[in-house]
């Protein structure tokens, strides 16, 4: 499954795995299924982890993510992203400014889990 609830050290983390997705349709479908879950949660309650390793990226996908990230803000207590490389880091920095979010970029899924469970 590309989106699932993980239990790590007694805390729930909503994991979205966009890694290796190559088409806008695949990415959009995962965003839409994630929206359904995320936006049904209580305010500021959710820990999220997003893996974008080797994901295809273009301007249309950037716009999809911008809307997705901004709309999730009320529901997310803390978020991490894994797999940012190259030009994605420029897009990531811009998205954080545009959306007003502070999603922590992490080097691995394990590091992201540890950071999330330690977040207060």
C-alpha atoms as a PDB file:
ATOM      1  CA  UNK A   1       0.000   0.000   0.000  1.00  0.00           C
ATOM      2  CA  UNK A   2       1.256   3.446  -0.864  1.00  0.00           C
ATOM      3  CA  UNK A   3      -0.532   5.184   1.977  1.00  0.00           C
ATOM      4  CA  UNK A   4      -0.902   3.599   5.366  1.00  0.00           C
ATOM      5  CA  UNK A   5      -0.933   4.200   9.081  1.00  0.00           C
ATOM      6  CA  UNK A   6       2.239   3.038  10.762  1.00  0.00           C
ATOM      7  CA  UNK A   7       2.712   2.499  14.471  1.00  0.00           C
ATOM      8  CA  UNK A   8       6.144   3.543  15.701  1.00  0.00           C
ATOM      9  CA  UNK A   9       6.897   3.526  19.420  1.00  0.00           C
ATOM     10  CA  UNK A  10       3.204   3.823  20.220  1.00  0.00           C
ATOM     11  CA  UNK A  11       2.543   6.781  17.926  1.00  0.00           C
ATOM     12  CA  UNK A  12       0.581   6.734  14.685  1.00  0.00           C
ATOM     13  CA  UNK A  13       2.299   8.059  11.562  1.00  0.00           C
ATOM     14  CA  UNK A  14       0.450   8.466   8.280  1.00  0.00           C
ATOM     15  CA  UNK A  15       2.889   7.334   5.585  1.00  0.00           C
ATOM     16  CA  UNK A  16       2.524   8.402   1.947  1.00  0.00           C
ATOM     17  CA  UNK A  17       4.864   6.623  -0.455  1.00  0.00           C
ATOM     18  CA  UNK A  18       5.262   8.530  -3.732  1.00  0.00           C
ATOM     19  CA  UNK A  19       8.659   6.928  -4.379  1.00  0.00           C
ATOM     20  CA  UNK A  20       9.329   5.918  -7.972  1.00  0.00           C
ATOM     21  CA  UNK A  21       5.967   7.218  -9.239  1.00  0.00           C
ATOM     22  CA  UNK A  22       6.445   8.475 -12.780  1.00  0.00           C
ATOM     23  CA  UNK A  23       3.064   9.761 -13.986  1.00  0.00           C
ATOM     24  CA  UNK A  24       0.902  12.650 -12.927  1.00  0.00           C
ATOM     25  CA  UNK A  25      -2.105  10.288 -12.811  1.00  0.00           C
ATOM     26  CA  UNK A  26      -0.390   7.992 -10.281  1.00  0.00           C
ATOM     27  CA  UNK A  27       0.694  10.924  -8.147  1.00  0.00           C
ATOM     28  CA  UNK A  28      -2.716  12.593  -8.315  1.00  0.00           C
ATOM     29  CA  UNK A  29      -4.473   9.353  -7.313  1.00  0.00           C
ATOM     30  CA  UNK A  30      -2.258   8.992  -4.235  1.00  0.00           C
ATOM     31  CA  UNK A  31      -2.776  12.642  -3.296  1.00  0.00           C
ATOM     32  CA  UNK A  32      -6.555  12.234  -3.581  1.00  0.00           C
ATOM     33  CA  UNK A  33      -6.673   9.088  -1.449  1.00  0.00           C
ATOM     34  CA  UNK A  34      -4.439  10.784   1.132  1.00  0.00           C
ATOM     35  CA  UNK A  35      -6.671  13.871   1.232  1.00  0.00           C
ATOM     36  CA  UNK A  36      -9.659  11.699   2.122  1.00  0.00           C
ATOM     37  CA  UNK A  37      -7.888  10.343   5.197  1.00  0.00           C
ATOM     38  CA  UNK A  38      -5.952  13.421   6.320  1.00  0.00           C
ATOM     39  CA  UNK A  39      -8.854  15.844   6.149  1.00  0.00           C
ATOM     40  CA  UNK A  40     -11.084  13.538   8.188  1.00  0.00           C
ATOM     41  CA  UNK A  41      -8.735  13.800  11.189  1.00  0.00           C
ATOM     42  CA  UNK A  42      -9.051  16.191  14.155  1.00  0.00           C
ATOM     43  CA  UNK A  43      -7.178  19.502  13.938  1.00  0.00           C
ATOM     44  CA  UNK A  44      -3.428  19.381  14.584  1.00  0.00           C
ATOM     45  CA  UNK A  45      -3.529  15.666  15.370  1.00  0.00           C
ATOM     46  CA  UNK A  46      -1.659  13.898  12.596  1.00  0.00           C
ATOM     47  CA  UNK A  47       2.000  12.975  12.176  1.00  0.00           C
ATOM     48  CA  UNK A  48       2.829  12.547   8.483  1.00  0.00           C
ATOM     49  CA  UNK A  49       5.747  11.143   6.536  1.00  0.00           C
ATOM     50  CA  UNK A  50       6.013  11.546   2.763  1.00  0.00           C
ATOM     51  CA  UNK A  51       8.534   9.634   0.654  1.00  0.00           C
ATOM     52  CA  UNK A  52       9.273  11.256  -2.716  1.00  0.00           C
ATOM     53  CA  UNK A  53      12.456   9.313  -3.569  1.00  0.00           C
ATOM     54  CA  UNK A  54      12.880   9.087  -7.361  1.00  0.00           C
ATOM     55  CA  UNK A  55       9.429  10.567  -7.953  1.00  0.00           C
ATOM     56  CA  UNK A  56       8.881  12.343 -11.274  1.00  0.00           C
ATOM     57  CA  UNK A  57       8.502  16.084 -10.788  1.00  0.00           C
ATOM     58  CA  UNK A  58       7.295  18.855 -13.085  1.00  0.00           C
ATOM     59  CA  UNK A  59       5.414  22.137 -12.759  1.00  0.00           C
ATOM     60  CA  UNK A  60       1.968  20.493 -12.779  1.00  0.00           C
ATOM     61  CA  UNK A  61       2.999  18.100 -10.005  1.00  0.00           C
ATOM     62  CA  UNK A  62       4.441  21.037  -8.051  1.00  0.00           C
ATOM     63  CA  UNK A  63       1.024  22.717  -8.261  1.00  0.00           C
ATOM     64  CA  UNK A  64      -0.717  19.526  -7.093  1.00  0.00           C
ATOM     65  CA  UNK A  65       1.615  19.301  -4.099  1.00  0.00           C
ATOM     66  CA  UNK A  66       1.234  22.989  -3.292  1.00  0.00           C
ATOM     67  CA  UNK A  67      -2.534  22.658  -3.002  1.00  0.00           C
ATOM     68  CA  UNK A  68      -2.232  19.328  -1.156  1.00  0.00           C
ATOM     69  CA  UNK A  69       0.292  20.575   1.405  1.00  0.00           C
ATOM     70  CA  UNK A  70      -1.549  23.848   2.037  1.00  0.00           C
ATOM     71  CA  UNK A  71      -4.915  22.128   2.483  1.00  0.00           C
ATOM     72  CA  UNK A  72      -3.499  19.623   4.973  1.00  0.00           C
ATOM     73  CA  UNK A  73      -2.045  22.251   7.296  1.00  0.00           C
ATOM     74  CA  UNK A  74      -4.958  22.371   9.790  1.00  0.00           C
ATOM     75  CA  UNK A  75      -4.844  18.606  10.384  1.00  0.00           C
ATOM     76  CA  UNK A  76      -1.108  17.971  10.676  1.00  0.00           C
ATOM     77  CA  UNK A  77       0.749  18.274  13.966  1.00  0.00           C
ATOM     78  CA  UNK A  78       4.141  17.547  12.360  1.00  0.00           C
ATOM     79  CA  UNK A  79       5.329  16.329   8.980  1.00  0.00           C
ATOM     80  CA  UNK A  80       8.461  14.987   7.373  1.00  0.00           C
ATOM     81  CA  UNK A  81       9.566  14.366   3.811  1.00  0.00           C
ATOM     82  CA  UNK A  82      12.158  11.831   2.654  1.00  0.00           C
ATOM     83  CA  UNK A  83      13.946  11.612  -0.673  1.00  0.00           C
ATOM     84  CA  UNK A  84      14.473  15.223  -1.708  1.00  0.00           C
ATOM     85  CA  UNK A  85      17.327  15.520  -4.179  1.00  0.00           C
ATOM     86  CA  UNK A  86      18.691  17.919  -6.764  1.00  0.00           C
ATOM     87  CA  UNK A  87      16.229  20.461  -8.108  1.00  0.00           C
ATOM     88  CA  UNK A  88      13.506  19.115  -5.818  1.00  0.00           C
ATOM     89  CA  UNK A  89      15.184  20.964  -2.942  1.00  0.00           C
ATOM     90  CA  UNK A  90      14.511  24.287  -4.676  1.00  0.00           C
ATOM     91  CA  UNK A  91      10.864  23.351  -5.207  1.00  0.00           C
ATOM     92  CA  UNK A  92      10.624  22.104  -1.596  1.00  0.00           C
ATOM     93  CA  UNK A  93      11.942  25.403  -0.211  1.00  0.00           C
ATOM     94  CA  UNK A  94       9.494  27.351  -2.376  1.00  0.00           C
ATOM     95  CA  UNK A  95       6.572  25.144  -1.289  1.00  0.00           C
ATOM     96  CA  UNK A  96       7.390  25.719   2.375  1.00  0.00           C
ATOM     97  CA  UNK A  97       7.258  29.486   1.803  1.00  0.00           C
ATOM     98  CA  UNK A  98       4.110  29.415  -0.354  1.00  0.00           C
ATOM     99  CA  UNK A  99       2.150  27.093   1.942  1.00  0.00           C
ATOM    100  CA  UNK A 100       3.375  28.358   5.303  1.00  0.00           C
ATOM    101  CA  UNK A 101       4.269  24.812   6.311  1.00  0.00           C
ATOM    102  CA  UNK A 102       7.375  23.564   8.084  1.00  0.00           C
ATOM    103  CA  UNK A 103       7.812  20.004   6.874  1.00  0.00           C
ATOM    104  CA  UNK A 104      11.147  18.596   8.010  1.00  0.00           C
ATOM    105  CA  UNK A 105      13.345  17.103   5.292  1.00  0.00           C
ATOM    106  CA  UNK A 106      14.953  13.882   6.526  1.00  0.00           C
ATOM    107  CA  UNK A 107      17.655  11.613   5.092  1.00  0.00           C
ATOM    108  CA  UNK A 108      15.792   8.315   5.620  1.00  0.00           C
ATOM    109  CA  UNK A 109      12.447   6.795   6.554  1.00  0.00           C
ATOM    110  CA  UNK A 110      13.896   5.593   9.872  1.00  0.00           C
ATOM    111  CA  UNK A 111      15.230   9.067  10.717  1.00  0.00           C
ATOM    112  CA  UNK A 112      11.845  10.564   9.826  1.00  0.00           C
ATOM    113  CA  UNK A 113      10.004   8.133  12.115  1.00  0.00           C
ATOM    114  CA  UNK A 114      12.338   8.900  15.009  1.00  0.00           C
ATOM    115  CA  UNK A 115      11.971  12.647  14.542  1.00  0.00           C
ATOM    116  CA  UNK A 116       8.179  12.414  14.368  1.00  0.00           C
ATOM    117  CA  UNK A 117       7.768  10.339  17.535  1.00  0.00           C
ATOM    118  CA  UNK A 118      10.009  12.759  19.446  1.00  0.00           C
ATOM    119  CA  UNK A 119       8.007  15.797  18.270  1.00  0.00           C
ATOM    120  CA  UNK A 120       5.958  17.481  20.975  1.00  0.00           C
END
